[in-house]
Full PDB file with SEQRES, HELIX, SHEET, SSBOND, CRYST1, ORIGX, SCALE, CONECT and MASTER records, all heavy atoms in Angstrom:
SEQRES   1 A   41  ARG SER THR GLY ALA THR CYS GLU ARG SER SER GLY ARG          
SEQRES   2 A   41  ALA VAL LEU ASP TRP ILE ALA PRO ARG LEU ILE ALA GLU          
SEQRES   3 A   41  GLY ALA GLU ILE HIS VAL VAL PRO ALA PRO VAL ASN GLY          
SEQRES   4 A   41  ALA ARG                                                      
HELIX    1 AA1 SER A   10  LEU A   23  1                                  14    
CRYST1    1.000    1.000    1.000  90.00  90.00  90.00 P 1           1          
ORIGX1      1.000000  0.000000  0.000000        0.00000                         
ORIGX2      0.000000  1.000000  0.000000        0.00000                         
ORIGX3      0.000000  0.000000  1.000000        0.00000                         
SCALE1      1.000000  0.000000  0.000000        0.00000                         
SCALE2      0.000000  1.000000  0.000000        0.00000                         
SCALE3      0.000000  0.000000  1.000000        0.00000                         
ATOM      1  N   ARG A   1    -115.586  23.966  36.766  1.00  0.00           N  
ATOM      2  CA  ARG A   1    -116.648  24.970  36.682  1.00  0.00           C  
ATOM      3  C   ARG A   1    -116.043  26.359  36.522  1.00  0.00           C  
ATOM      4  O   ARG A   1    -116.669  27.250  35.950  1.00  0.00           O  
ATOM      5  CB  ARG A   1    -117.534  24.915  37.929  1.00  0.00           C  
ATOM      6  CG  ARG A   1    -118.324  23.629  38.063  1.00  0.00           C  
ATOM      7  CD  ARG A   1    -119.074  23.513  39.382  1.00  0.00           C  
ATOM      8  NE  ARG A   1    -120.035  24.584  39.557  1.00  0.00           N  
ATOM      9  CZ  ARG A   1    -119.962  25.513  40.505  1.00  0.00           C  
ATOM     10  NH1 ARG A   1    -118.970  25.488  41.384  1.00  0.00           N  
ATOM     11  NH2 ARG A   1    -120.864  26.449  40.603  1.00  0.00           N  
ATOM     12  N   SER A   2    -114.799  26.556  37.025  1.00  0.00           N  
ATOM     13  CA  SER A   2    -114.114  27.845  36.899  1.00  0.00           C  
ATOM     14  C   SER A   2    -113.157  27.875  35.721  1.00  0.00           C  
ATOM     15  O   SER A   2    -112.976  28.922  35.092  1.00  0.00           O  
ATOM     16  CB  SER A   2    -113.329  28.138  38.191  1.00  0.00           C  
ATOM     17  OG  SER A   2    -114.185  28.172  39.315  1.00  0.00           O  
ATOM     18  N   THR A   3    -112.525  26.750  35.419  1.00  0.00           N  
ATOM     19  CA  THR A   3    -111.457  26.741  34.415  1.00  0.00           C  
ATOM     20  C   THR A   3    -111.906  26.288  33.041  1.00  0.00           C  
ATOM     21  O   THR A   3    -111.195  26.502  32.056  1.00  0.00           O  
ATOM     22  CB  THR A   3    -110.331  25.802  34.863  1.00  0.00           C  
ATOM     23  OG1 THR A   3    -110.852  24.454  34.935  1.00  0.00           O  
ATOM     24  CG2 THR A   3    -109.791  26.197  36.223  1.00  0.00           C  
ATOM     25  N   GLY A   4    -113.053  25.649  32.954  1.00  0.00           N  
ATOM     26  CA  GLY A   4    -113.452  24.977  31.729  1.00  0.00           C  
ATOM     27  C   GLY A   4    -113.117  23.500  31.825  1.00  0.00           C  
ATOM     28  O   GLY A   4    -112.319  23.073  32.661  1.00  0.00           O  
ATOM     29  N   ALA A   5    -113.719  22.714  30.966  1.00  0.00           N  
ATOM     30  CA  ALA A   5    -113.570  21.259  31.019  1.00  0.00           C  
ATOM     31  C   ALA A   5    -112.123  20.849  30.780  1.00  0.00           C  
ATOM     32  O   ALA A   5    -111.352  21.555  30.115  1.00  0.00           O  
ATOM     33  CB  ALA A   5    -114.475  20.605  29.976  1.00  0.00           C  
ATOM     34  N   THR A   6    -111.756  19.695  31.322  1.00  0.00           N  
ATOM     35  CA  THR A   6    -110.412  19.174  31.106  1.00  0.00           C  
ATOM     36  C   THR A   6    -110.170  18.913  29.620  1.00  0.00           C  
ATOM     37  O   THR A   6    -111.092  18.563  28.879  1.00  0.00           O  
ATOM     38  CB  THR A   6    -110.201  17.865  31.888  1.00  0.00           C  
ATOM     39  OG1 THR A   6    -111.181  16.900  31.483  1.00  0.00           O  
ATOM     40  CG2 THR A   6    -110.303  18.101  33.378  1.00  0.00           C  
ATOM     41  N   CYS A   7    -108.926  19.111  29.201  1.00  0.00           N  
ATOM     42  CA  CYS A   7    -108.548  18.907  27.791  1.00  0.00           C  
ATOM     43  C   CYS A   7    -108.265  17.429  27.562  1.00  0.00           C  
ATOM     44  O   CYS A   7    -107.460  16.837  28.290  1.00  0.00           O  
ATOM     45  CB  CYS A   7    -107.320  19.738  27.459  1.00  0.00           C  
ATOM     46  SG  CYS A   7    -107.537  21.511  27.778  1.00  0.00           S  
ATOM     47  N   GLU A   8    -108.919  16.844  26.576  1.00  0.00           N  
ATOM     48  CA  GLU A   8    -108.840  15.400  26.397  1.00  0.00           C  
ATOM     49  C   GLU A   8    -108.473  14.977  24.976  1.00  0.00           C  
ATOM     50  O   GLU A   8    -108.861  13.897  24.535  1.00  0.00           O  
ATOM     51  CB  GLU A   8    -110.182  14.762  26.794  1.00  0.00           C  
ATOM     52  CG  GLU A   8    -110.605  14.992  28.230  1.00  0.00           C  
ATOM     53  CD  GLU A   8    -109.693  14.314  29.240  1.00  0.00           C  
ATOM     54  OE1 GLU A   8    -108.935  13.414  28.828  1.00  0.00           O  
ATOM     55  OE2 GLU A   8    -109.726  14.695  30.428  1.00  0.00           O  
ATOM     56  N   ARG A   9    -107.746  15.818  24.240  1.00  0.00           N  
ATOM     57  CA  ARG A   9    -107.317  15.385  22.903  1.00  0.00           C  
ATOM     58  C   ARG A   9    -106.503  14.096  23.045  1.00  0.00           C  
ATOM     59  O   ARG A   9    -105.591  14.007  23.873  1.00  0.00           O  
ATOM     60  CB  ARG A   9    -106.487  16.462  22.236  1.00  0.00           C  
ATOM     61  CG  ARG A   9    -106.191  16.167  20.772  1.00  0.00           C  
ATOM     62  CD  ARG A   9    -105.583  17.353  20.066  1.00  0.00           C  
ATOM     63  NE  ARG A   9    -105.389  17.065  18.653  1.00  0.00           N  
ATOM     64  CZ  ARG A   9    -104.949  17.935  17.776  1.00  0.00           C  
ATOM     65  NH1 ARG A   9    -104.680  19.177  18.173  1.00  0.00           N  
ATOM     66  NH2 ARG A   9    -104.790  17.605  16.512  1.00  0.00           N  
ATOM     67  N   SER A  10    -106.846  13.093  22.247  1.00  0.00           N  
ATOM     68  CA  SER A  10    -106.358  11.734  22.485  1.00  0.00           C  
ATOM     69  C   SER A  10    -104.842  11.624  22.472  1.00  0.00           C  
ATOM     70  O   SER A  10    -104.258  10.910  23.307  1.00  0.00           O  
ATOM     71  CB  SER A  10    -106.967  10.767  21.465  1.00  0.00           C  
ATOM     72  OG  SER A  10    -106.635  11.166  20.142  1.00  0.00           O  
ATOM     73  N   SER A  11    -104.155  12.311  21.567  1.00  0.00           N  
ATOM     74  CA  SER A  11    -102.695  12.194  21.499  1.00  0.00           C  
ATOM     75  C   SER A  11    -102.040  12.765  22.753  1.00  0.00           C  
ATOM     76  O   SER A  11    -101.096  12.185  23.296  1.00  0.00           O  
ATOM     77  CB  SER A  11    -102.167  12.893  20.247  1.00  0.00           C  
ATOM     78  OG  SER A  11    -102.573  14.264  20.229  1.00  0.00           O  
ATOM     79  N   GLY A  12    -102.554  13.902  23.233  1.00  0.00           N  
ATOM     80  CA  GLY A  12    -102.026  14.487  24.463  1.00  0.00           C  
ATOM     81  C   GLY A  12    -102.382  13.671  25.679  1.00  0.00           C  
ATOM     82  O   GLY A  12    -101.581  13.507  26.610  1.00  0.00           O  
ATOM     83  N   ARG A  13    -103.601  13.118  25.687  1.00  0.00           N  
ATOM     84  CA  ARG A  13    -104.030  12.261  26.796  1.00  0.00           C  
ATOM     85  C   ARG A  13    -103.142  11.035  26.927  1.00  0.00           C  
ATOM     86  O   ARG A  13    -102.800  10.598  28.026  1.00  0.00           O  
ATOM     87  CB  ARG A  13    -105.481  11.841  26.550  1.00  0.00           C  
ATOM     88  CG  ARG A  13    -106.135  10.971  27.612  1.00  0.00           C  
ATOM     89  CD  ARG A  13    -106.461  11.753  28.842  1.00  0.00           C  
ATOM     90  NE  ARG A  13    -105.497  11.496  29.894  1.00  0.00           N  
ATOM     91  CZ  ARG A  13    -105.381  12.216  30.990  1.00  0.00           C  
ATOM     92  NH1 ARG A  13    -106.140  13.283  31.161  1.00  0.00           N  
ATOM     93  NH2 ARG A  13    -104.488  11.929  31.899  1.00  0.00           N  
ATOM     94  N   ALA A  14    -102.732  10.488  25.796  1.00  0.00           N  
ATOM     95  CA  ALA A  14    -101.855   9.317  25.805  1.00  0.00           C  
ATOM     96  C   ALA A  14    -100.508   9.655  26.440  1.00  0.00           C  
ATOM     97  O   ALA A  14     -99.931   8.841  27.174  1.00  0.00           O  
ATOM     98  CB  ALA A  14    -101.665   8.789  24.383  1.00  0.00           C  
ATOM     99  N   VAL A  15     -99.998  10.865  26.175  1.00  0.00           N  
ATOM    100  CA  VAL A  15     -98.726  11.278  26.771  1.00  0.00           C  
ATOM    101  C   VAL A  15     -98.872  11.410  28.289  1.00  0.00           C  
ATOM    102  O   VAL A  15     -98.009  10.958  29.055  1.00  0.00           O  
ATOM    103  CB  VAL A  15     -98.240  12.609  26.156  1.00  0.00           C  
ATOM    104  CG1 VAL A  15     -96.973  13.095  26.857  1.00  0.00           C  
ATOM    105  CG2 VAL A  15     -97.980  12.437  24.666  1.00  0.00           C  
ATOM    106  N   LEU A  16     -99.953  12.004  28.750  1.00  0.00           N  
ATOM    107  CA  LEU A  16    -100.169  12.159  30.190  1.00  0.00           C  
ATOM    108  C   LEU A  16    -100.276  10.797  30.873  1.00  0.00           C  
ATOM    109  O   LEU A  16     -99.710  10.587  31.957  1.00  0.00           O  
ATOM    110  CB  LEU A  16    -101.442  12.968  30.444  1.00  0.00           C  
ATOM    111  CG  LEU A  16    -101.410  14.451  30.057  1.00  0.00           C  
ATOM    112  CD1 LEU A  16    -102.765  15.088  30.313  1.00  0.00           C  
ATOM    113  CD2 LEU A  16    -100.315  15.197  30.808  1.00  0.00           C  
ATOM    114  N   ASP A  17    -101.016   9.877  30.241  1.00  0.00           N  
ATOM    115  CA  ASP A  17    -101.159   8.544  30.826  1.00  0.00           C  
ATOM    116  C   ASP A  17     -99.827   7.802  30.863  1.00  0.00           C  
ATOM    117  O   ASP A  17     -99.592   6.977  31.753  1.00  0.00           O  
ATOM    118  CB  ASP A  17    -102.185   7.727  30.026  1.00  0.00           C  
ATOM    119  CG  ASP A  17    -103.596   8.274  30.158  1.00  0.00           C  
ATOM    120  OD1 ASP A  17    -103.837   9.041  31.118  1.00  0.00           O  
ATOM    121  OD2 ASP A  17    -104.448   7.956  29.315  1.00  0.00           O  
ATOM    122  N   TRP A  18     -98.965   8.085  29.895  1.00  0.00           N  
ATOM    123  CA  TRP A  18     -97.661   7.426  29.845  1.00  0.00           C  
ATOM    124  C   TRP A  18     -96.706   7.986  30.899  1.00  0.00           C  
ATOM    125  O   TRP A  18     -95.975   7.238  31.553  1.00  0.00           O  
ATOM    126  CB  TRP A  18     -97.055   7.602  28.447  1.00  0.00           C  
ATOM    127  CG  TRP A  18     -95.682   7.004  28.302  1.00  0.00           C  
ATOM    128  CD1 TRP A  18     -95.368   5.709  28.035  1.00  0.00           C  
ATOM    129  CD2 TRP A  18     -94.437   7.717  28.429  1.00  0.00           C  
ATOM    130  NE1 TRP A  18     -93.992   5.557  27.988  1.00  0.00           N  
ATOM    131  CE2 TRP A  18     -93.399   6.768  28.220  1.00  0.00           C  
ATOM    132  CE3 TRP A  18     -94.102   9.036  28.684  1.00  0.00           C  
ATOM    133  CZ2 TRP A  18     -92.053   7.116  28.280  1.00  0.00           C  
ATOM    134  CZ3 TRP A  18     -92.758   9.386  28.752  1.00  0.00           C  
ATOM    135  CH2 TRP A  18     -91.745   8.426  28.541  1.00  0.00           C  
ATOM    136  N   ILE A  19     -96.728   9.291  31.085  1.00  0.00           N  
ATOM    137  CA  ILE A  19     -95.731   9.908  31.957  1.00  0.00           C  
ATOM    138  C   ILE A  19     -96.145   9.932  33.426  1.00  0.00           C  
ATOM    139  O   ILE A  19     -95.289   9.985  34.322  1.00  0.00           O  
ATOM    140  CB  ILE A  19     -95.399  11.348  31.489  1.00  0.00           C  
ATOM    141  CG1 ILE A  19     -94.044  11.780  32.058  1.00  0.00           C  
ATOM    142  CG2 ILE A  19     -96.513  12.338  31.868  1.00  0.00           C  
ATOM    143  CD1 ILE A  19     -93.548  13.094  31.532  1.00  0.00           C  
ATOM    144  N   ALA A  20     -97.444   9.875  33.737  1.00  0.00           N  
ATOM    145  CA  ALA A  20     -97.898  10.003  35.124  1.00  0.00           C  
ATOM    146  C   ALA A  20     -97.252   8.985  36.060  1.00  0.00           C  
ATOM    147  O   ALA A  20     -96.722   9.361  37.114  1.00  0.00           O  
ATOM    148  CB  ALA A  20     -99.428   9.914  35.189  1.00  0.00           C  
ATOM    149  N   PRO A  21     -97.265   7.680  35.750  1.00  0.00           N  
ATOM    150  CA  PRO A  21     -96.631   6.735  36.677  1.00  0.00           C  
ATOM    151  C   PRO A  21     -95.123   6.887  36.742  1.00  0.00           C  
ATOM    152  O   PRO A  21     -94.514   6.556  37.764  1.00  0.00           O  
ATOM    153  CB  PRO A  21     -97.036   5.362  36.106  1.00  0.00           C  
ATOM    154  CG  PRO A  21     -97.346   5.602  34.679  1.00  0.00           C  
ATOM    155  CD  PRO A  21     -97.902   6.985  34.611  1.00  0.00           C  
ATOM    156  N   ARG A  22     -94.493   7.371  35.696  1.00  0.00           N  
ATOM    157  CA  ARG A  22     -93.040   7.547  35.693  1.00  0.00           C  
ATOM    158  C   ARG A  22     -92.624   8.789  36.472  1.00  0.00           C  
ATOM    159  O   ARG A  22     -91.595   8.802  37.140  1.00  0.00           O  
ATOM    160  CB  ARG A  22     -92.538   7.652  34.248  1.00  0.00           C  
ATOM    161  CG  ARG A  22     -92.669   6.347  33.472  1.00  0.00           C  
ATOM    162  CD  ARG A  22     -92.514   6.568  31.971  1.00  0.00           C  
ATOM    163  NE  ARG A  22     -92.504   5.307  31.233  1.00  0.00           N  
ATOM    164  CZ  ARG A  22     -93.605   4.619  30.935  1.00  0.00           C  
ATOM    165  NH1 ARG A  22     -94.797   5.078  31.312  1.00  0.00           N  
ATOM    166  NH2 ARG A  22     -93.515   3.479  30.270  1.00  0.00           N  
ATOM    167  N   LEU A  23     -93.451   9.813  36.387  1.00  0.00           N  
ATOM    168  CA  LEU A  23     -93.103  11.087  37.022  1.00  0.00           C  
ATOM    169  C   LEU A  23     -93.597  11.170  38.459  1.00  0.00           C  
ATOM    170  O   LEU A  23     -92.921  11.734  39.324  1.00  0.00           O  
ATOM    171  CB  LEU A  23     -93.708  12.234  36.202  1.00  0.00           C  
ATOM    172  CG  LEU A  23     -93.296  13.653  36.582  1.00  0.00           C  
ATOM    173  CD1 LEU A  23     -91.817  13.856  36.333  1.00  0.00           C  
ATOM    174  CD2 LEU A  23     -94.128  14.668  35.794  1.00  0.00           C  
ATOM    175  N   ILE A  24     -94.770  10.586  38.733  1.00  0.00           N  
ATOM    176  CA  ILE A  24     -95.383  10.746  40.054  1.00  0.00           C  
ATOM    177  C   ILE A  24     -95.466   9.405  40.779  1.00  0.00           C  
ATOM    178  O   ILE A  24     -94.690   9.122  41.671  1.00  0.00           O  
ATOM    179  CB  ILE A  24     -96.787  11.385  39.930  1.00  0.00           C  
ATOM    180  CG1 ILE A  24     -96.680  12.743  39.202  1.00  0.00           C  
ATOM    181  CG2 ILE A  24     -97.405  11.586  41.296  1.00  0.00           C  
ATOM    182  CD1 ILE A  24     -98.009  13.353  38.836  1.00  0.00           C  
ATOM    183  N   ALA A  25     -96.425   8.560  40.397  1.00  0.00           N  
ATOM    184  CA  ALA A  25     -96.589   7.258  41.058  1.00  0.00           C  
ATOM    185  C   ALA A  25     -97.586   6.431  40.261  1.00  0.00           C  
ATOM    186  O   ALA A  25     -98.369   6.974  39.470  1.00  0.00           O  
ATOM    187  CB  ALA A  25     -97.086   7.436  42.490  1.00  0.00           C  
ATOM    188  N   GLU A  26     -97.542   5.127  40.477  1.00  0.00           N  
ATOM    189  CA  GLU A  26     -98.527   4.258  39.854  1.00  0.00           C  
ATOM    190  C   GLU A  26     -99.927   4.685  40.291  1.00  0.00           C  
ATOM    191  O   GLU A  26    -100.172   4.940  41.464  1.00  0.00           O  
ATOM    192  CB  GLU A  26     -98.286   2.801  40.259  1.00  0.00           C  
ATOM    193  CG  GLU A  26     -97.082   2.159  39.603  1.00  0.00           C  
ATOM    194  CD  GLU A  26     -97.249   1.989  38.103  1.00  0.00           C  
ATOM    195  OE1 GLU A  26     -98.414   1.915  37.645  1.00  0.00           O  
ATOM    196  OE2 GLU A  26     -96.232   1.933  37.393  1.00  0.00           O  
ATOM    197  N   GLY A  27    -100.841   4.736  39.340  1.00  0.00           N  
ATOM    198  CA  GLY A  27    -102.216   5.120  39.661  1.00  0.00           C  
ATOM    199  C   GLY A  27    -102.475   6.608  39.617  1.00  0.00           C  
ATOM    200  O   GLY A  27    -103.624   7.040  39.755  1.00  0.00           O  
ATOM    201  N   ALA A  28    -101.425   7.408  39.419  1.00  0.00           N  
ATOM    202  CA  ALA A  28    -101.620   8.864  39.369  1.00  0.00           C  
ATOM    203  C   ALA A  28    -102.299   9.262  38.064  1.00  0.00           C  
ATOM    204  O   ALA A  28    -102.094   8.639  37.023  1.00  0.00           O  
ATOM    205  CB  ALA A  28    -100.287   9.585  39.512  1.00  0.00           C  
ATOM    206  N   GLU A  29    -103.127  10.299  38.134  1.00  0.00           N  
ATOM    207  CA  GLU A  29    -103.806  10.854  36.969  1.00  0.00           C  
ATOM    208  C   GLU A  29    -103.441  12.329  36.838  1.00  0.00           C  
ATOM    209  O   GLU A  29    -103.508  13.068  37.817  1.00  0.00           O  
ATOM    210  CB  GLU A  29    -105.330  10.756  37.104  1.00  0.00           C  
ATOM    211  CG  GLU A  29    -105.911   9.393  36.942  1.00  0.00           C  
ATOM    212  CD  GLU A  29    -107.444   9.430  37.013  1.00  0.00           C  
ATOM    213  OE1 GLU A  29    -108.010  10.535  36.911  1.00  0.00           O  
ATOM    214  OE2 GLU A  29    -108.040   8.361  37.192  1.00  0.00           O  
ATOM    215  N   ILE A  30    -103.051  12.754  35.649  1.00  0.00           N  
ATOM    216  CA  ILE A  30    -102.774  14.164  35.388  1.00  0.00           C  
ATOM    217  C   ILE A  30    -103.833  14.688  34.419  1.00  0.00           C  
ATOM    218  O   ILE A  30    -104.080  14.065  33.383  1.00  0.00           O  
ATOM    219  CB  ILE A  30    -101.374  14.363  34.775  1.00  0.00           C  
ATOM    220  CG1 ILE A  30    -100.299  13.772  35.676  1.00  0.00           C  
ATOM    221  CG2 ILE A  30    -101.104  15.854  34.542  1.00  0.00           C  
ATOM    222  CD1 ILE A  30     -98.911  13.765  35.047  1.00  0.00           C  
ATOM    223  N   HIS A  31    -104.459  15.803  34.762  1.00  0.00           N  
ATOM    224  CA  HIS A  31    -105.466  16.422  33.906  1.00  0.00           C  
ATOM    225  C   HIS A  31    -105.053  17.855  33.612  1.00  0.00           C  
ATOM    226  O   HIS A  31    -104.552  18.572  34.492  1.00  0.00           O  
ATOM    227  CB  HIS A  31    -106.838  16.403  34.584  1.00  0.00           C  
ATOM    228  CG  HIS A  31    -107.363  15.025  34.812  1.00  0.00           C  
ATOM    229  ND1 HIS A  31    -108.096  14.331  33.874  1.00  0.00           N  
ATOM    230  CD2 HIS A  31    -107.237  14.198  35.888  1.00  0.00           C  
ATOM    231  CE1 HIS A  31    -108.413  13.148  34.348  1.00  0.00           C  
ATOM    232  NE2 HIS A  31    -107.908  13.029  35.565  1.00  0.00           N  
ATOM    233  N   VAL A  32    -105.242  18.269  32.380  1.00  0.00           N  
ATOM    234  CA  VAL A  32    -104.919  19.633  31.950  1.00  0.00           C  
ATOM    235  C   VAL A  32    -106.220  20.396  31.740  1.00  0.00           C  
ATOM    236  O   VAL A  32    -107.162  19.874  31.119  1.00  0.00           O  
ATOM    237  CB  VAL A  32    -104.090  19.612  30.648  1.00  0.00           C  
ATOM    238  CG1 VAL A  32    -103.847  21.039  30.145  1.00  0.00           C  
ATOM    239  CG2 VAL A  32    -102.758  18.902  30.877  1.00  0.00           C  
ATOM    240  N   VAL A  33    -106.281  21.616  32.272  1.00  0.00           N  
ATOM    241  CA  VAL A  33    -107.449  22.477  32.080  1.00  0.00           C  
ATOM    242  C   VAL A  33    -107.029  23.706  31.287  1.00  0.00           C  
ATOM    243  O   VAL A  33    -105.849  24.091  31.297  1.00  0.00           O  
ATOM    244  CB  VAL A  33    -108.077  22.891  33.435  1.00  0.00           C  
ATOM    245  CG1 VAL A  33    -108.669  21.684  34.142  1.00  0.00           C  
ATOM    246  CG2 VAL A  33    -107.041  23.577  34.328  1.00  0.00           C  
ATOM    247  N   PRO A  34    -107.954  24.359  30.578  1.00  0.00           N  
ATOM    248  CA  PRO A  34    -107.583  25.483  29.706  1.00  0.00           C  
ATOM    249  C   PRO A  34    -107.067  26.706  30.445  1.00  0.00           C  
ATOM    250  O   PRO A  34    -106.265  27.462  29.899  1.00  0.00           O  
ATOM    251  CB  PRO A  34    -108.881  25.807  28.974  1.00  0.00           C  
ATOM    252  CG  PRO A  34    -109.756  24.615  29.148  1.00  0.00           C  
ATOM    253  CD  PRO A  34    -109.368  23.991  30.449  1.00  0.00           C  
ATOM    254  N   ALA A  35    -107.514  26.922  31.675  1.00  0.00           N  
ATOM    255  CA  ALA A  35    -107.147  28.131  32.410  1.00  0.00           C  
ATOM    256  C   ALA A  35    -105.987  27.857  33.359  1.00  0.00           C  
ATOM    257  O   ALA A  35    -105.758  26.727  33.768  1.00  0.00           O  
ATOM    258  CB  ALA A  35    -108.352  28.641  33.208  1.00  0.00           C  
ATOM    259  N   PRO A  36    -105.237  28.896  33.737  1.00  0.00           N  
ATOM    260  CA  PRO A  36    -104.130  28.715  34.689  1.00  0.00           C  
ATOM    261  C   PRO A  36    -104.643  28.274  36.056  1.00  0.00           C  
ATOM    262  O   PRO A  36    -105.729  28.669  36.490  1.00  0.00           O  
ATOM    263  CB  PRO A  36    -103.491  30.110  34.764  1.00  0.00           C  
ATOM    264  CG  PRO A  36    -103.948  30.823  33.534  1.00  0.00           C  
ATOM    265  CD  PRO A  36    -105.307  30.282  33.228  1.00  0.00           C  
ATOM    266  N   VAL A  37    -103.846  27.461  36.741  1.00  0.00           N  
ATOM    267  CA  VAL A  37    -104.174  27.044  38.114  1.00  0.00           C  
ATOM    268  C   VAL A  37    -103.001  27.358  39.039  1.00  0.00           C  
ATOM    269  O   VAL A  37    -102.857  26.752  40.086  1.00  0.00           O  
ATOM    270  CB  VAL A  37    -104.554  25.557  38.188  1.00  0.00           C  
ATOM    271  CG1 VAL A  37    -105.813  25.274  37.405  1.00  0.00           C  
ATOM    272  CG2 VAL A  37    -103.399  24.664  37.715  1.00  0.00           C  
ATOM    273  N   ASN A  38    -102.147  28.311  38.608  1.00  0.00           N  
ATOM    274  CA  ASN A  38    -100.986  28.707  39.407  1.00  0.00           C  
ATOM    275  C   ASN A  38    -100.055  27.520  39.618  1.00  0.00           C  
ATOM    276  O   ASN A  38     -99.762  27.121  40.734  1.00  0.00           O  
ATOM    277  CB  ASN A  38    -101.437  29.292  40.753  1.00  0.00           C  
ATOM    278  CG  ASN A  38    -100.288  29.926  41.516  1.00  0.00           C  
ATOM    279  OD1 ASN A  38     -99.239  30.217  40.945  1.00  0.00           O  
ATOM    280  ND2 ASN A  38    -100.477  30.134  42.808  1.00  0.00           N  
ATOM    281  N   GLY A  39     -99.607  26.922  38.528  1.00  0.00           N  
ATOM    282  CA  GLY A  39     -98.704  25.778  38.613  1.00  0.00           C  
ATOM    283  C   GLY A  39     -99.455  24.485  38.435  1.00  0.00           C  
ATOM    284  O   GLY A  39    -100.137  24.267  37.435  1.00  0.00           O  
ATOM    285  N   ALA A  40     -99.341  23.618  39.421  1.00  0.00           N  
ATOM    286  CA  ALA A  40    -100.069  22.344  39.423  1.00  0.00           C  
ATOM    287  C   ALA A  40    -100.695  22.157  40.790  1.00  0.00           C  
ATOM    288  O   ALA A  40    -100.188  22.662  41.796  1.00  0.00           O  
ATOM    289  CB  ALA A  40     -99.133  21.189  39.089  1.00  0.00           C  
ATOM    290  N   ARG A  41    -101.790  21.417  40.839  1.00  0.00           N  
ATOM    291  CA  ARG A  41    -102.487  21.165  42.097  1.00  0.00           C  
ATOM    292  C   ARG A  41    -102.669  19.663  42.282  1.00  0.00           C  
ATOM    293  O   ARG A  41    -103.052  18.952  41.357  1.00  0.00           O  
ATOM    294  CB  ARG A  41    -103.850  21.855  42.113  1.00  0.00           C  
ATOM    295  CG  ARG A  41    -103.796  23.370  41.944  1.00  0.00           C  
ATOM    296  CD  ARG A  41    -103.088  24.039  43.115  1.00  0.00           C  
ATOM    297  NE  ARG A  41    -103.003  25.481  42.936  1.00  0.00           N  
ATOM    298  CZ  ARG A  41    -103.378  26.373  43.859  1.00  0.00           C  
ATOM    299  NH1 ARG A  41    -103.859  25.946  45.017  1.00  0.00           N  
ATOM    300  NH2 ARG A  41    -103.256  27.658  43.619  1.00  0.00           N  
TER     301      ARG A  41                                                      
MASTER        0    0    0    1    0    0    0    6  300    1    0    4          
END                                                                             
């Protein structure tokens, strides 16, 4: 509601889905929003 909707372009979404379990943990979801969030949350 503050940052704008999550960015879901399919090619970028595929990269996030591929790297999330390798970088964080199985079942993790990474979402990108258009506005800054001071790093990652």
